[in-house]
PDB file of all heavy atoms in Angstrom:
ATOM      1  N   LEU A   1     130.563  90.402 145.069  1.00  0.00           N
ATOM      2  CA  LEU A   1     129.837  91.454 144.376  1.00  0.00           C
ATOM      3  C   LEU A   1     128.371  91.047 144.325  1.00  0.00           C
ATOM      4  O   LEU A   1     128.038  89.964 143.846  1.00  0.00           O
ATOM      5  CB  LEU A   1     130.381  91.661 142.961  1.00  0.00           C
ATOM      6  CG  LEU A   1     131.696  92.433 142.826  1.00  0.00           C
ATOM      7  CD1 LEU A   1     132.170  92.411 141.379  1.00  0.00           C
ATOM      8  CD2 LEU A   1     131.537  93.866 143.304  1.00  0.00           C
ATOM      9  N   ASP A   2     127.503  91.905 144.841  1.00  0.00           N
ATOM     10  CA  ASP A   2     126.080  91.597 144.899  1.00  0.00           C
ATOM     11  C   ASP A   2     125.270  92.751 144.348  1.00  0.00           C
ATOM     12  O   ASP A   2     125.716  93.906 144.348  1.00  0.00           O
ATOM     13  CB  ASP A   2     125.643  91.331 146.350  1.00  0.00           C
ATOM     14  CG  ASP A   2     126.358  90.132 146.953  1.00  0.00           C
ATOM     15  OD1 ASP A   2     126.064  89.006 146.531  1.00  0.00           O
ATOM     16  OD2 ASP A   2     127.214  90.333 147.836  1.00  0.00           O
ATOM     17  N   THR A   3     124.056  92.443 143.903  1.00  0.00           N
ATOM     18  CA  THR A   3     123.131  93.477 143.465  1.00  0.00           C
ATOM     19  C   THR A   3     122.333  93.951 144.669  1.00  0.00           C
ATOM     20  O   THR A   3     121.721  93.155 145.384  1.00  0.00           O
ATOM     21  CB  THR A   3     122.168  92.941 142.388  1.00  0.00           C
ATOM     22  OG1 THR A   3     122.931  92.466 141.277  1.00  0.00           O
ATOM     23  CG2 THR A   3     121.232  94.043 141.909  1.00  0.00           C
ATOM     24  N   LEU A   4     122.359  95.259 144.903  1.00  0.00           N
ATOM     25  CA  LEU A   4     121.611  95.863 146.005  1.00  0.00           C
ATOM     26  C   LEU A   4     120.414  96.584 145.393  1.00  0.00           C
ATOM     27  O   LEU A   4     120.532  97.684 144.863  1.00  0.00           O
ATOM     28  CB  LEU A   4     122.502  96.840 146.774  1.00  0.00           C
ATOM     29  CG  LEU A   4     121.871  97.583 147.947  1.00  0.00           C
ATOM     30  CD1 LEU A   4     121.348  96.607 148.992  1.00  0.00           C
ATOM     31  CD2 LEU A   4     122.873  98.548 148.563  1.00  0.00           C
ATOM     32  N   TYR A   5     119.269  95.936 145.456  1.00  0.00           N
ATOM     33  CA  TYR A   5     118.076  96.471 144.799  1.00  0.00           C
ATOM     34  C   TYR A   5     117.523  97.682 145.546  1.00  0.00           C
ATOM     35  O   TYR A   5     117.812  97.890 146.732  1.00  0.00           O
ATOM     36  CB  TYR A   5     117.011  95.380 144.689  1.00  0.00           C
ATOM     37  CG  TYR A   5     117.433  94.237 143.796  1.00  0.00           C
ATOM     38  CD1 TYR A   5     117.912  93.050 144.341  1.00  0.00           C
ATOM     39  CD2 TYR A   5     117.385  94.365 142.407  1.00  0.00           C
ATOM     40  CE1 TYR A   5     118.315  92.001 143.517  1.00  0.00           C
ATOM     41  CE2 TYR A   5     117.784  93.326 141.583  1.00  0.00           C
ATOM     42  CZ  TYR A   5     118.254  92.145 142.142  1.00  0.00           C
ATOM     43  OH  TYR A   5     118.665  91.123 141.322  1.00  0.00           O
ATOM     44  N   LYS A   6     116.735  98.472 144.848  1.00  0.00           N
ATOM     45  CA  LYS A   6     116.161  99.677 145.451  1.00  0.00           C
ATOM     46  C   LYS A   6     115.288  99.300 146.649  1.00  0.00           C
ATOM     47  O   LYS A   6     114.633  98.257 146.669  1.00  0.00           O
ATOM     48  CB  LYS A   6     115.336 100.443 144.416  1.00  0.00           C
ATOM     49  CG  LYS A   6     114.156  99.681 143.829  1.00  0.00           C
ATOM     50  CD  LYS A   6     113.452 100.524 142.784  1.00  0.00           C
ATOM     51  CE  LYS A   6     112.233  99.790 142.208  1.00  0.00           C
ATOM     52  NZ  LYS A   6     111.545 100.596 141.182  1.00  0.00           N
ATOM     53  N   ASN A   7     115.328 100.152 147.658  1.00  0.00           N
ATOM     54  CA  ASN A   7     114.532  99.978 148.881  1.00  0.00           C
ATOM     55  C   ASN A   7     114.662  98.566 149.456  1.00  0.00           C
ATOM     56  O   ASN A   7     113.674  97.896 149.752  1.00  0.00           O
ATOM     57  CB  ASN A   7     113.059 100.296 148.603  1.00  0.00           C
ATOM     58  CG  ASN A   7     112.853 101.745 148.208  1.00  0.00           C
ATOM     59  OD1 ASN A   7     113.289 102.658 148.908  1.00  0.00           O
ATOM     60  ND2 ASN A   7     112.235 101.970 147.057  1.00  0.00           N
ATOM     61  N   SER A   8     115.889  98.113 149.611  1.00  0.00           N
ATOM     62  CA  SER A   8     116.103  96.766 150.145  1.00  0.00           C
ATOM     63  C   SER A   8     117.335  96.747 151.048  1.00  0.00           C
ATOM     64  O   SER A   8     118.181  97.643 150.986  1.00  0.00           O
ATOM     65  CB  SER A   8     116.281  95.756 149.012  1.00  0.00           C
ATOM     66  OG  SER A   8     117.505  95.986 148.327  1.00  0.00           O
ATOM     67  N   ASP A   9     117.413  95.718 151.877  1.00  0.00           N
ATOM     68  CA  ASP A   9     118.567  95.492 152.753  1.00  0.00           C
ATOM     69  C   ASP A   9     119.176  94.129 152.442  1.00  0.00           C
ATOM     70  O   ASP A   9     118.471  93.215 152.005  1.00  0.00           O
ATOM     71  CB  ASP A   9     118.154  95.493 154.234  1.00  0.00           C
ATOM     72  CG  ASP A   9     117.568  96.822 154.675  1.00  0.00           C
ATOM     73  OD1 ASP A   9     117.695  97.804 153.920  1.00  0.00           O
ATOM     74  OD2 ASP A   9     116.976  96.862 155.769  1.00  0.00           O
ATOM     75  N   THR A  10     120.453  93.991 152.698  1.00  0.00           N
ATOM     76  CA  THR A  10     121.087  92.676 152.619  1.00  0.00           C
ATOM     77  C   THR A  10     121.169  92.095 154.028  1.00  0.00           C
ATOM     78  O   THR A  10     120.927  92.790 155.017  1.00  0.00           O
ATOM     79  CB  THR A  10     122.514  92.773 152.049  1.00  0.00           C
ATOM     80  OG1 THR A  10     123.349  93.461 152.985  1.00  0.00           O
ATOM     81  CG2 THR A  10     122.526  93.489 150.714  1.00  0.00           C
ATOM     82  N   ASP A  11     121.493  90.830 154.124  1.00  0.00           N
ATOM     83  CA  ASP A  11     121.888  90.267 155.411  1.00  0.00           C
ATOM     84  C   ASP A  11     123.324  90.704 155.670  1.00  0.00           C
ATOM     85  O   ASP A  11     123.960  91.349 154.832  1.00  0.00           O
ATOM     86  CB  ASP A  11     121.808  88.735 155.362  1.00  0.00           C
ATOM     87  CG  ASP A  11     120.383  88.232 155.179  1.00  0.00           C
ATOM     88  OD1 ASP A  11     119.460  88.881 155.709  1.00  0.00           O
ATOM     89  OD2 ASP A  11     120.211  87.207 154.487  1.00  0.00           O
ATOM     90  N   PHE A  12     123.872  90.340 156.818  1.00  0.00           N
ATOM     91  CA  PHE A  12     125.297  90.575 157.046  1.00  0.00           C
ATOM     92  C   PHE A  12     126.089  89.608 156.171  1.00  0.00           C
ATOM     93  O   PHE A  12     125.879  88.400 156.219  1.00  0.00           O
ATOM     94  CB  PHE A  12     125.663  90.385 158.516  1.00  0.00           C
ATOM     95  CG  PHE A  12     125.376  91.600 159.351  1.00  0.00           C
ATOM     96  CD1 PHE A  12     124.243  91.663 160.139  1.00  0.00           C
ATOM     97  CD2 PHE A  12     126.236  92.693 159.317  1.00  0.00           C
ATOM     98  CE1 PHE A  12     123.976  92.792 160.897  1.00  0.00           C
ATOM     99  CE2 PHE A  12     125.979  93.821 160.074  1.00  0.00           C
ATOM    100  CZ  PHE A  12     124.841  93.872 160.872  1.00  0.00           C
ATOM    101  N   ILE A  13     126.991  90.157 155.355  1.00  0.00           N
ATOM    102  CA  ILE A  13     127.783  89.376 154.412  1.00  0.00           C
ATOM    103  C   ILE A  13     129.219  89.325 154.904  1.00  0.00           C
ATOM    104  O   ILE A  13     129.841  90.372 155.141  1.00  0.00           O
ATOM    105  CB  ILE A  13     127.740  89.999 153.006  1.00  0.00           C
ATOM    106  CG1 ILE A  13     126.290  90.173 152.535  1.00  0.00           C
ATOM    107  CG2 ILE A  13     128.531  89.154 152.022  1.00  0.00           C
ATOM    108  CD1 ILE A  13     126.151  91.047 151.302  1.00  0.00           C
ATOM    109  N   GLN A  14     129.750  88.124 155.069  1.00  0.00           N
ATOM    110  CA  GLN A  14     131.128  87.986 155.519  1.00  0.00           C
ATOM    111  C   GLN A  14     132.071  88.637 154.513  1.00  0.00           C
ATOM    112  O   GLN A  14     131.961  88.410 153.298  1.00  0.00           O
ATOM    113  CB  GLN A  14     131.486  86.510 155.684  1.00  0.00           C
ATOM    114  CG  GLN A  14     132.884  86.249 156.212  1.00  0.00           C
ATOM    115  CD  GLN A  14     133.043  86.620 157.681  1.00  0.00           C
ATOM    116  OE1 GLN A  14     132.046  86.720 158.397  1.00  0.00           O
ATOM    117  NE2 GLN A  14     134.258  86.800 158.136  1.00  0.00           N
ATOM    118  N   SER A  15     132.970  89.463 154.996  1.00  0.00           N
ATOM    119  CA  SER A  15     133.903  90.159 154.112  1.00  0.00           C
ATOM    120  C   SER A  15     135.111  89.270 153.841  1.00  0.00           C
ATOM    121  O   SER A  15     136.053  89.216 154.622  1.00  0.00           O
ATOM    122  CB  SER A  15     134.348  91.473 154.750  1.00  0.00           C
ATOM    123  OG  SER A  15     135.194  92.180 153.876  1.00  0.00           O
ATOM    124  N   SER A  16     135.058  88.562 152.733  1.00  0.00           N
ATOM    125  CA  SER A  16     136.116  87.611 152.390  1.00  0.00           C
ATOM    126  C   SER A  16     137.305  88.329 151.763  1.00  0.00           C
ATOM    127  O   SER A  16     137.193  89.419 151.213  1.00  0.00           O
ATOM    128  CB  SER A  16     135.569  86.564 151.416  1.00  0.00           C
ATOM    129  OG  SER A  16     135.022  87.205 150.278  1.00  0.00           O
ATOM    130  N   ILE A  17     138.458  87.678 151.839  1.00  0.00           N
ATOM    131  CA  ILE A  17     139.688  88.255 151.310  1.00  0.00           C
ATOM    132  C   ILE A  17     140.625  87.109 150.947  1.00  0.00           C
ATOM    133  O   ILE A  17     140.395  85.958 151.336  1.00  0.00           O
ATOM    134  CB  ILE A  17     140.317  89.205 152.357  1.00  0.00           C
ATOM    135  CG1 ILE A  17     141.293  90.187 151.703  1.00  0.00           C
ATOM    136  CG2 ILE A  17     140.975  88.444 153.478  1.00  0.00           C
ATOM    137  CD1 ILE A  17     141.718  91.310 152.630  1.00  0.00           C
ATOM    138  N   SER A  18     141.684  87.422 150.199  1.00  0.00           N
ATOM    139  CA  SER A  18     142.609  86.387 149.748  1.00  0.00           C
ATOM    140  C   SER A  18     143.196  85.594 150.915  1.00  0.00           C
ATOM    141  O   SER A  18     143.417  86.134 151.997  1.00  0.00           O
ATOM    142  CB  SER A  18     143.765  87.021 148.960  1.00  0.00           C
ATOM    143  OG  SER A  18     143.275  87.743 147.853  1.00  0.00           O
ATOM    144  N   MET A  19     143.461  84.327 150.679  1.00  0.00           N
ATOM    145  CA  MET A  19     144.076  83.474 151.692  1.00  0.00           C
ATOM    146  C   MET A  19     145.397  84.080 152.167  1.00  0.00           C
ATOM    147  O   MET A  19     146.147  84.647 151.384  1.00  0.00           O
ATOM    148  CB  MET A  19     144.315  82.077 151.106  1.00  0.00           C
ATOM    149  CG  MET A  19     144.797  81.043 152.113  1.00  0.00           C
ATOM    150  SD  MET A  19     145.044  79.418 151.346  1.00  0.00           S
ATOM    151  CE  MET A  19     143.380  79.029 150.809  1.00  0.00           C
ATOM    152  N   ASN A  20     145.664  83.962 153.457  1.00  0.00           N
ATOM    153  CA  ASN A  20     146.867  84.481 154.110  1.00  0.00           C
ATOM    154  C   ASN A  20     146.885  86.005 154.213  1.00  0.00           C
ATOM    155  O   ASN A  20     147.886  86.586 154.637  1.00  0.00           O
ATOM    156  CB  ASN A  20     148.156  84.026 153.399  1.00  0.00           C
ATOM    157  CG  ASN A  20     148.316  82.527 153.376  1.00  0.00           C
ATOM    158  OD1 ASN A  20     147.965  81.845 154.334  1.00  0.00           O
ATOM    159  ND2 ASN A  20     148.833  82.004 152.275  1.00  0.00           N
ATOM    160  N   CYS A  21     145.798  86.659 153.808  1.00  0.00           N
ATOM    161  CA  CYS A  21     145.762  88.128 153.845  1.00  0.00           C
ATOM    162  C   CYS A  21     144.570  88.622 154.662  1.00  0.00           C
ATOM    163  O   CYS A  21     143.999  89.668 154.363  1.00  0.00           O
ATOM    164  CB  CYS A  21     145.667  88.696 152.432  1.00  0.00           C
ATOM    165  SG  CYS A  21     147.089  88.344 151.395  1.00  0.00           S
ATOM    166  N   GLY A  22     144.173  87.885 155.661  1.00  0.00           N
ATOM    167  CA  GLY A  22     142.956  88.220 156.383  1.00  0.00           C
ATOM    168  C   GLY A  22     142.997  89.508 157.162  1.00  0.00           C
ATOM    169  O   GLY A  22     141.962  90.042 157.524  1.00  0.00           O
ATOM    170  N   PHE A  23     144.199  90.033 157.419  1.00  0.00           N
ATOM    171  CA  PHE A  23     144.281  91.231 158.239  1.00  0.00           C
ATOM    172  C   PHE A  23     145.045  92.340 157.532  1.00  0.00           C
ATOM    173  O   PHE A  23     145.994  92.907 158.059  1.00  0.00           O
ATOM    174  CB  PHE A  23     144.897  90.895 159.604  1.00  0.00           C
ATOM    175  CG  PHE A  23     144.000  89.993 160.404  1.00  0.00           C
ATOM    176  CD1 PHE A  23     144.189  88.623 160.383  1.00  0.00           C
ATOM    177  CD2 PHE A  23     142.939  90.513 161.114  1.00  0.00           C
ATOM    178  CE1 PHE A  23     143.346  87.776 161.088  1.00  0.00           C
ATOM    179  CE2 PHE A  23     142.086  89.673 161.824  1.00  0.00           C
ATOM    180  CZ  PHE A  23     142.283  88.305 161.811  1.00  0.00           C
ATOM    181  N   ARG A  24     144.620  92.604 156.318  1.00  0.00           N
ATOM    182  CA  ARG A  24     145.063  93.805 155.616  1.00  0.00           C
ATOM    183  C   ARG A  24     143.818  94.558 155.166  1.00  0.00           C
ATOM    184  O   ARG A  24     142.729  93.978 155.055  1.00  0.00           O
ATOM    185  CB  ARG A  24     145.953  93.464 154.411  1.00  0.00           C
ATOM    186  CG  ARG A  24     145.296  92.661 153.314  1.00  0.00           C
ATOM    187  CD  ARG A  24     146.241  92.578 152.105  1.00  0.00           C
ATOM    188  NE  ARG A  24     145.775  91.637 151.102  1.00  0.00           N
ATOM    189  CZ  ARG A  24     144.815  91.874 150.209  1.00  0.00           C
ATOM    190  NH1 ARG A  24     144.192  93.049 150.213  1.00  0.00           N
ATOM    191  NH2 ARG A  24     144.468  90.953 149.321  1.00  0.00           N
ATOM    192  N   PRO A  25     143.937  95.862 154.909  1.00  0.00           N
ATOM    193  CA  PRO A  25     142.761  96.632 154.492  1.00  0.00           C
ATOM    194  C   PRO A  25     142.224  96.154 153.149  1.00  0.00           C
ATOM    195  O   PRO A  25     142.976  95.690 152.294  1.00  0.00           O
ATOM    196  CB  PRO A  25     143.313  98.066 154.365  1.00  0.00           C
ATOM    197  CG  PRO A  25     144.595  98.061 155.120  1.00  0.00           C
ATOM    198  CD  PRO A  25     145.150  96.678 155.004  1.00  0.00           C
ATOM    199  N   ASN A  26     140.918  96.252 152.977  1.00  0.00           N
ATOM    200  CA  ASN A  26     140.351  95.993 151.657  1.00  0.00           C
ATOM    201  C   ASN A  26     139.255  97.016 151.366  1.00  0.00           C
ATOM    202  O   ASN A  26     138.691  97.626 152.273  1.00  0.00           O
ATOM    203  CB  ASN A  26     139.820  94.563 151.528  1.00  0.00           C
ATOM    204  CG  ASN A  26     138.636  94.271 152.410  1.00  0.00           C
ATOM    205  OD1 ASN A  26     138.793  94.078 153.623  1.00  0.00           O
ATOM    206  ND2 ASN A  26     137.444  94.234 151.836  1.00  0.00           N
ATOM    207  N   GLN A  27     138.991  97.192 150.082  1.00  0.00           N
ATOM    208  CA  GLN A  27     138.035  98.204 149.651  1.00  0.00           C
ATOM    209  C   GLN A  27     136.605  97.678 149.718  1.00  0.00           C
ATOM    210  O   GLN A  27     136.318  96.566 149.282  1.00  0.00           O
ATOM    211  CB  GLN A  27     138.345  98.650 148.220  1.00  0.00           C
ATOM    212  CG  GLN A  27     137.447  99.780 147.722  1.00  0.00           C
ATOM    213  CD  GLN A  27     137.673 100.111 146.252  1.00  0.00           C
ATOM    214  OE1 GLN A  27     137.872  99.217 145.433  1.00  0.00           O
ATOM    215  NE2 GLN A  27     137.655 101.384 145.922  1.00  0.00           N
ATOM    216  N   LEU A  28     135.715  98.489 150.252  1.00  0.00           N
ATOM    217  CA  LEU A  28     134.272  98.234 150.210  1.00  0.00           C
ATOM    218  C   LEU A  28     133.678  99.351 149.366  1.00  0.00           C
ATOM    219  O   LEU A  28     134.046 100.521 149.531  1.00  0.00           O
ATOM    220  CB  LEU A  28     133.674  98.259 151.614  1.00  0.00           C
ATOM    221  CG  LEU A  28     134.321  97.321 152.633  1.00  0.00           C
ATOM    222  CD1 LEU A  28     133.727  97.545 154.014  1.00  0.00           C
ATOM    223  CD2 LEU A  28     134.166  95.878 152.224  1.00  0.00           C
ATOM    224  N   PHE A  29     132.754  99.009 148.456  1.00  0.00           N
ATOM    225  CA  PHE A  29     132.220 100.075 147.616  1.00  0.00           C
ATOM    226  C   PHE A  29     130.797  99.804 147.137  1.00  0.00           C
ATOM    227  O   PHE A  29     130.293  98.681 147.205  1.00  0.00           O
ATOM    228  CB  PHE A  29     133.143 100.351 146.425  1.00  0.00           C
ATOM    229  CG  PHE A  29     133.198  99.251 145.379  1.00  0.00           C
ATOM    230  CD1 PHE A  29     132.171  99.077 144.459  1.00  0.00           C
ATOM    231  CD2 PHE A  29     134.309  98.412 145.287  1.00  0.00           C
ATOM    232  CE1 PHE A  29     132.229  98.094 143.485  1.00  0.00           C
ATOM    233  CE2 PHE A  29     134.382  97.427 144.322  1.00  0.00           C
ATOM    234  CZ  PHE A  29     133.338  97.268 143.411  1.00  0.00           C
ATOM    235  N   LEU A  30     130.191 100.878 146.649  1.00  0.00           N
ATOM    236  CA  LEU A  30     128.891 100.832 145.981  1.00  0.00           C
ATOM    237  C   LEU A  30     129.068 101.464 144.608  1.00  0.00           C
ATOM    238  O   LEU A  30     129.677 102.522 144.480  1.00  0.00           O
ATOM    239  CB  LEU A  30     127.841 101.609 146.784  1.00  0.00           C
ATOM    240  CG  LEU A  30     127.424 100.959 148.100  1.00  0.00           C
ATOM    241  CD1 LEU A  30     126.807 101.987 149.036  1.00  0.00           C
ATOM    242  CD2 LEU A  30     126.439  99.822 147.840  1.00  0.00           C
ATOM    243  N   ALA A  31     128.531 100.798 143.581  1.00  0.00           N
ATOM    244  CA  ALA A  31     128.732 101.266 142.211  1.00  0.00           C
ATOM    245  C   ALA A  31     127.414 101.226 141.448  1.00  0.00           C
ATOM    246  O   ALA A  31     126.453 100.566 141.852  1.00  0.00           O
ATOM    247  CB  ALA A  31     129.768 100.400 141.495  1.00  0.00           C
ATOM    248  N   ASP A  32     127.392 101.946 140.323  1.00  0.00           N
ATOM    249  CA  ASP A  32     126.230 101.891 139.437  1.00  0.00           C
ATOM    250  C   ASP A  32     126.081 100.486 138.862  1.00  0.00           C
ATOM    251  O   ASP A  32     127.061  99.736 138.754  1.00  0.00           O
ATOM    252  CB  ASP A  32     126.381 102.893 138.292  1.00  0.00           C
ATOM    253  CG  ASP A  32     126.271 104.335 138.773  1.00  0.00           C
ATOM    254  OD1 ASP A  32     125.629 104.568 139.806  1.00  0.00           O
ATOM    255  OD2 ASP A  32     126.854 105.220 138.110  1.00  0.00           O
ATOM    256  N   LEU A  33     124.880 100.153 138.469  1.00  0.00           N
ATOM    257  CA  LEU A  33     124.574  98.807 137.992  1.00  0.00           C
ATOM    258  C   LEU A  33     125.445  98.404 136.802  1.00  0.00           C
ATOM    259  O   LEU A  33     125.802  97.230 136.643  1.00  0.00           O
ATOM    260  CB  LEU A  33     123.094  98.732 137.618  1.00  0.00           C
ATOM    261  CG  LEU A  33     122.475  97.341 137.433  1.00  0.00           C
ATOM    262  CD1 LEU A  33     122.620  96.517 138.699  1.00  0.00           C
ATOM    263  CD2 LEU A  33     121.006  97.460 137.042  1.00  0.00           C
ATOM    264  N   ASP A  34     125.832  99.380 135.989  1.00  0.00           N
ATOM    265  CA  ASP A  34     126.611  99.071 134.791  1.00  0.00           C
ATOM    266  C   ASP A  34     128.032  98.627 135.116  1.00  0.00           C
ATOM    267  O   ASP A  34     128.779  98.233 134.213  1.00  0.00           O
ATOM    268  CB  ASP A  34     126.652 100.299 133.869  1.00  0.00           C
ATOM    269  CG  ASP A  34     127.020  99.926 132.435  1.00  0.00           C
ATOM    270  OD1 ASP A  34     126.498  98.892 131.940  1.00  0.00           O
ATOM    271  OD2 ASP A  34     127.820 100.647 131.817  1.00  0.00           O
ATOM    272  N   TYR A  35     128.410  98.656 136.394  1.00  0.00           N
ATOM    273  CA  TYR A  35     129.739  98.213 136.800  1.00  0.00           C
ATOM    274  C   TYR A  35     130.014  96.780 136.354  1.00  0.00           C
ATOM    275  O   TYR A  35     131.150  96.413 136.072  1.00  0.00           O
ATOM    276  CB  TYR A  35     129.870  98.327 138.320  1.00  0.00           C
ATOM    277  CG  TYR A  35     131.255  98.036 138.850  1.00  0.00           C
ATOM    278  CD1 TYR A  35     132.221  99.041 138.933  1.00  0.00           C
ATOM    279  CD2 TYR A  35     131.611  96.752 139.269  1.00  0.00           C
ATOM    280  CE1 TYR A  35     133.498  98.770 139.416  1.00  0.00           C
ATOM    281  CE2 TYR A  35     132.889  96.477 139.757  1.00  0.00           C
ATOM    282  CZ  TYR A  35     133.818  97.484 139.820  1.00  0.00           C
ATOM    283  OH  TYR A  35     135.083  97.216 140.299  1.00  0.00           O
ATOM    284  N   LEU A  36     128.955  95.968 136.271  1.00  0.00           N
ATOM    285  CA  LEU A  36     129.095  94.563 135.877  1.00  0.00           C
ATOM    286  C   LEU A  36     128.843  94.334 134.387  1.00  0.00           C
ATOM    287  O   LEU A  36     128.626  93.201 133.954  1.00  0.00           O
ATOM    288  CB  LEU A  36     128.156  93.681 136.703  1.00  0.00           C
ATOM    289  CG  LEU A  36     128.471  93.580 138.198  1.00  0.00           C
ATOM    290  CD1 LEU A  36     127.511  92.621 138.885  1.00  0.00           C
ATOM    291  CD2 LEU A  36     129.904  93.130 138.420  1.00  0.00           C
ATOM    292  N   ASN A  37     128.881  95.397 133.612  1.00  0.00           N
ATOM    293  CA  ASN A  37     128.742  95.261 132.161  1.00  0.00           C
ATOM    294  C   ASN A  37     129.801  94.275 131.638  1.00  0.00           C
ATOM    295  O   ASN A  37     130.975  94.372 132.009  1.00  0.00           O
ATOM    296  CB  ASN A  37     128.927  96.623 131.501  1.00  0.00           C
ATOM    297  CG  ASN A  37     128.583  96.619 130.028  1.00  0.00           C
ATOM    298  OD1 ASN A  37     129.055  95.788 129.263  1.00  0.00           O
ATOM    299  ND2 ASN A  37     127.744  97.552 129.619  1.00  0.00           N
ATOM    300  N   PRO A  38     129.418  93.324 130.806  1.00  0.00           N
ATOM    301  CA  PRO A  38     130.378  92.322 130.298  1.00  0.00           C
ATOM    302  C   PRO A  38     131.621  92.911 129.636  1.00  0.00           C
ATOM    303  O   PRO A  38     132.673  92.267 129.614  1.00  0.00           O
ATOM    304  CB  PRO A  38     129.540  91.525 129.279  1.00  0.00           C
ATOM    305  CG  PRO A  38     128.137  91.664 129.769  1.00  0.00           C
ATOM    306  CD  PRO A  38     128.047  93.060 130.333  1.00  0.00           C
ATOM    307  N   LYS A  39     131.515  94.140 129.133  1.00  0.00           N
ATOM    308  CA  LYS A  39     132.680  94.718 128.445  1.00  0.00           C
ATOM    309  C   LYS A  39     133.850  94.959 129.388  1.00  0.00           C
ATOM    310  O   LYS A  39     134.989  95.124 128.953  1.00  0.00           O
ATOM    311  CB  LYS A  39     132.305  96.015 127.738  1.00  0.00           C
ATOM    312  CG  LYS A  39     131.968  97.176 128.662  1.00  0.00           C
ATOM    313  CD  LYS A  39     131.610  98.414 127.841  1.00  0.00           C
ATOM    314  CE  LYS A  39     131.248  99.602 128.728  1.00  0.00           C
ATOM    315  NZ  LYS A  39     130.930 100.807 127.922  1.00  0.00           N
ATOM    316  N   TYR A  40     133.576  94.980 130.703  1.00  0.00           N
ATOM    317  CA  TYR A  40     134.643  95.184 131.673  1.00  0.00           C
ATOM    318  C   TYR A  40     135.238  93.871 132.184  1.00  0.00           C
ATOM    319  O   TYR A  40     136.222  93.880 132.928  1.00  0.00           O
ATOM    320  CB  TYR A  40     134.121  95.972 132.887  1.00  0.00           C
ATOM    321  CG  TYR A  40     133.534  97.314 132.551  1.00  0.00           C
ATOM    322  CD1 TYR A  40     132.246  97.665 132.976  1.00  0.00           C
ATOM    323  CD2 TYR A  40     134.247  98.254 131.817  1.00  0.00           C
ATOM    324  CE1 TYR A  40     131.699  98.899 132.682  1.00  0.00           C
ATOM    325  CE2 TYR A  40     133.710  99.499 131.506  1.00  0.00           C
ATOM    326  CZ  TYR A  40     132.426  99.810 131.950  1.00  0.00           C
ATOM    327  OH  TYR A  40     131.890 101.037 131.648  1.00  0.00           O
ATOM    328  N   GLN A  41     134.656  92.758 131.786  1.00  0.00           N
ATOM    329  CA  GLN A  41     135.122  91.467 132.275  1.00  0.00           C
ATOM    330  C   GLN A  41     136.372  91.006 131.519  1.00  0.00           C
ATOM    331  O   GLN A  41     136.618  91.398 130.378  1.00  0.00           O
ATOM    332  CB  GLN A  41     134.007  90.425 132.164  1.00  0.00           C
ATOM    333  CG  GLN A  41     132.715  90.825 132.850  1.00  0.00           C
ATOM    334  CD  GLN A  41     132.918  91.253 134.297  1.00  0.00           C
ATOM    335  OE1 GLN A  41     133.552  90.541 135.069  1.00  0.00           O
ATOM    336  NE2 GLN A  41     132.378  92.409 134.659  1.00  0.00           N
ATOM    337  N   TYR A  42     137.125  90.131 132.153  1.00  0.00           N
ATOM    338  CA  TYR A  42     138.416  89.708 131.608  1.00  0.00           C
ATOM    339  C   TYR A  42     138.289  89.103 130.214  1.00  0.00           C
ATOM    340  O   TYR A  42     139.113  89.381 129.325  1.00  0.00           O
ATOM    341  CB  TYR A  42     139.082  88.712 132.552  1.00  0.00           C
ATOM    342  CG  TYR A  42     140.361  88.133 131.992  1.00  0.00           C
ATOM    343  CD1 TYR A  42     141.529  88.902 131.948  1.00  0.00           C
ATOM    344  CD2 TYR A  42     140.397  86.830 131.483  1.00  0.00           C
ATOM    345  CE1 TYR A  42     142.705  88.391 131.423  1.00  0.00           C
ATOM    346  CE2 TYR A  42     141.573  86.312 130.952  1.00  0.00           C
ATOM    347  CZ  TYR A  42     142.719  87.095 130.923  1.00  0.00           C
ATOM    348  OH  TYR A  42     143.865  86.579 130.397  1.00  0.00           O
ATOM    349  N   ASP A  43     137.259  88.293 129.994  1.00  0.00           N
ATOM    350  CA  ASP A  43     137.090  87.636 128.695  1.00  0.00           C
ATOM    351  C   ASP A  43     136.975  88.638 127.558  1.00  0.00           C
ATOM    352  O   ASP A  43     137.397  88.351 126.423  1.00  0.00           O
ATOM    353  CB  ASP A  43     135.845  86.733 128.714  1.00  0.00           C
ATOM    354  CG  ASP A  43     136.060  85.490 129.553  1.00  0.00           C
ATOM    355  OD1 ASP A  43     137.228  85.190 129.876  1.00  0.00           O
ATOM    356  OD2 ASP A  43     135.064  84.814 129.889  1.00  0.00           O
TER     357      ASP A  43
END
């Protein structure tokens, strides 16, 4: 999970996945900044 700032590009980011599951589909997404609000975290 990375912050994508306005008017900016990222480098190519390796799409990591759980061990032994390298060839199953996974979700890629873009979300509002509040997605990382602490209230949504496990703690």
